[in-house]
Amino acid sequence: MAEAIVLDAAGQEIGGAMVFAYDGYLSNLEVYTWEDTPMAGLPAPDRLRW
């Protein structure tokens, strides 16, 4: 498993992302927000802080 924090355009933390692998293959991807409104798609790679 790998986990990252999702940032908004101002660099504020707004959620997270988790990637899971099983037997060397991607098995699950979870992207979540702490905001009241859902994210409109996946965050750009430059909006992730590992």
N, C-alpha and C. Protein backbone atom coordinates (compact mmCIF):
# COMPACT_ATOMS: atom_id res chain seq x y z
N MET A 1 0.84 -1.17 0.00
CA MET A 1 0.00 0.00 0.00
C MET A 1 0.89 1.24 0.00
N ALA A 2 0.46 2.26 -0.71
CA ALA A 2 1.10 3.57 -0.70
C ALA A 2 0.01 4.60 -0.46
N GLU A 3 0.36 5.65 0.27
CA GLU A 3 -0.62 6.68 0.62
C GLU A 3 -0.04 8.05 0.35
N ALA A 4 -0.90 8.98 -0.07
CA ALA A 4 -0.48 10.36 -0.34
C ALA A 4 -1.56 11.32 0.14
N ILE A 5 -1.15 12.54 0.40
CA ILE A 5 -2.08 13.62 0.73
C ILE A 5 -2.40 14.37 -0.56
N VAL A 6 -3.67 14.73 -0.75
CA VAL A 6 -4.09 15.49 -1.92
C VAL A 6 -4.15 16.97 -1.52
N LEU A 7 -3.55 17.82 -2.35
CA LEU A 7 -3.48 19.26 -2.10
C LEU A 7 -4.35 20.01 -3.10
N ASP A 8 -4.90 21.16 -2.67
CA ASP A 8 -5.62 22.02 -3.61
C ASP A 8 -4.63 22.95 -4.30
N ALA A 9 -5.12 23.86 -5.12
CA ALA A 9 -4.25 24.76 -5.89
C ALA A 9 -3.41 25.66 -4.99
N ALA A 10 -3.89 25.94 -3.78
CA ALA A 10 -3.17 26.79 -2.84
C ALA A 10 -2.19 26.01 -1.97
N GLY A 11 -2.15 24.69 -2.15
CA GLY A 11 -1.25 23.85 -1.37
C GLY A 11 -1.82 23.38 -0.05
N GLN A 12 -3.11 23.58 0.16
CA GLN A 12 -3.77 23.14 1.39
C GLN A 12 -4.21 21.68 1.25
N GLU A 13 -4.10 20.93 2.33
CA GLU A 13 -4.52 19.53 2.32
C GLU A 13 -6.03 19.45 2.24
N ILE A 14 -6.53 18.65 1.27
CA ILE A 14 -7.98 18.52 1.10
C ILE A 14 -8.44 17.06 1.11
N GLY A 15 -7.53 16.12 1.17
CA GLY A 15 -7.92 14.72 1.15
C GLY A 15 -6.72 13.81 1.03
N GLY A 16 -6.97 12.62 0.51
CA GLY A 16 -5.89 11.66 0.39
C GLY A 16 -6.12 10.68 -0.74
N ALA A 17 -5.10 9.89 -0.99
CA ALA A 17 -5.17 8.84 -2.01
C ALA A 17 -4.42 7.62 -1.50
N MET A 18 -4.97 6.45 -1.73
CA MET A 18 -4.32 5.20 -1.35
C MET A 18 -4.30 4.27 -2.55
N VAL A 19 -3.17 3.63 -2.76
CA VAL A 19 -2.99 2.68 -3.85
C VAL A 19 -2.62 1.34 -3.24
N PHE A 20 -3.31 0.30 -3.66
CA PHE A 20 -3.08 -1.04 -3.15
C PHE A 20 -2.64 -1.95 -4.30
N ALA A 21 -1.74 -2.86 -4.00
CA ALA A 21 -1.29 -3.84 -4.99
C ALA A 21 -1.44 -5.24 -4.39
N TYR A 22 -1.71 -6.19 -5.27
CA TYR A 22 -1.79 -7.58 -4.87
C TYR A 22 -1.04 -8.40 -5.90
N ASP A 23 -0.08 -9.15 -5.44
CA ASP A 23 0.71 -10.02 -6.31
C ASP A 23 1.37 -9.23 -7.45
N GLY A 24 1.77 -7.99 -7.15
CA GLY A 24 2.47 -7.17 -8.13
C GLY A 24 1.58 -6.38 -9.07
N TYR A 25 0.26 -6.45 -8.90
CA TYR A 25 -0.67 -5.74 -9.78
C TYR A 25 -1.52 -4.76 -8.98
N LEU A 26 -1.88 -3.66 -9.60
CA LEU A 26 -2.79 -2.71 -8.97
C LEU A 26 -4.10 -3.41 -8.66
N SER A 27 -4.52 -3.35 -7.41
CA SER A 27 -5.76 -4.02 -7.04
C SER A 27 -6.85 -3.04 -6.60
N ASN A 28 -6.45 -1.86 -6.13
CA ASN A 28 -7.46 -0.90 -5.67
C ASN A 28 -6.84 0.49 -5.62
N LEU A 29 -7.64 1.48 -5.92
CA LEU A 29 -7.25 2.88 -5.82
C LEU A 29 -8.39 3.60 -5.11
N GLU A 30 -8.05 4.31 -4.06
CA GLU A 30 -9.06 5.08 -3.33
C GLU A 30 -8.61 6.53 -3.23
N VAL A 31 -9.47 7.44 -3.66
CA VAL A 31 -9.20 8.87 -3.56
C VAL A 31 -10.36 9.45 -2.76
N TYR A 32 -10.04 10.22 -1.73
CA TYR A 32 -11.09 10.76 -0.87
C TYR A 32 -10.79 12.21 -0.52
N THR A 33 -11.84 12.91 -0.09
CA THR A 33 -11.72 14.32 0.27
C THR A 33 -12.26 14.54 1.66
N TRP A 34 -11.74 15.57 2.31
CA TRP A 34 -12.26 15.99 3.62
C TRP A 34 -13.22 17.15 3.45
N GLU A 35 -13.43 17.59 2.22
CA GLU A 35 -14.32 18.71 1.91
C GLU A 35 -15.76 18.21 1.82
N ASP A 36 -16.72 19.15 1.82
CA ASP A 36 -18.13 18.78 1.69
C ASP A 36 -18.50 18.41 0.26
N THR A 37 -17.76 18.94 -0.71
CA THR A 37 -18.06 18.64 -2.11
C THR A 37 -17.06 17.60 -2.62
N PRO A 38 -17.52 16.65 -3.43
CA PRO A 38 -16.61 15.62 -3.96
C PRO A 38 -15.63 16.19 -4.98
N MET A 39 -14.52 15.50 -5.17
CA MET A 39 -13.54 15.90 -6.19
C MET A 39 -14.11 15.60 -7.57
N ALA A 40 -13.77 16.44 -8.51
CA ALA A 40 -14.23 16.26 -9.89
C ALA A 40 -13.15 15.51 -10.67
N GLY A 41 -12.96 14.25 -10.38
CA GLY A 41 -11.96 13.44 -11.07
C GLY A 41 -10.74 13.18 -10.20
N LEU A 42 -9.75 12.58 -10.80
CA LEU A 42 -8.53 12.25 -10.08
C LEU A 42 -7.63 13.47 -9.96
N PRO A 43 -6.89 13.60 -8.86
CA PRO A 43 -5.98 14.73 -8.72
C PRO A 43 -4.77 14.59 -9.65
N ALA A 44 -4.24 15.71 -10.08
CA ALA A 44 -3.02 15.71 -10.90
C ALA A 44 -1.85 15.25 -10.03
N PRO A 45 -0.85 14.61 -10.63
CA PRO A 45 0.30 14.14 -9.85
C PRO A 45 1.01 15.22 -9.05
N ASP A 46 1.01 16.46 -9.56
CA ASP A 46 1.67 17.53 -8.81
C ASP A 46 0.85 18.01 -7.61
N ARG A 47 -0.36 17.47 -7.45
CA ARG A 47 -1.19 17.79 -6.29
C ARG A 47 -1.12 16.70 -5.22
N LEU A 48 -0.19 15.78 -5.36
CA LEU A 48 0.01 14.72 -4.37
C LEU A 48 1.29 14.96 -3.59
N ARG A 49 1.20 14.78 -2.28
CA ARG A 49 2.39 14.88 -1.44
C ARG A 49 2.61 13.51 -0.80
N TRP A 50 3.69 12.86 -1.17
CA TRP A 50 4.02 11.53 -0.67
C TRP A 50 4.74 11.70 0.62
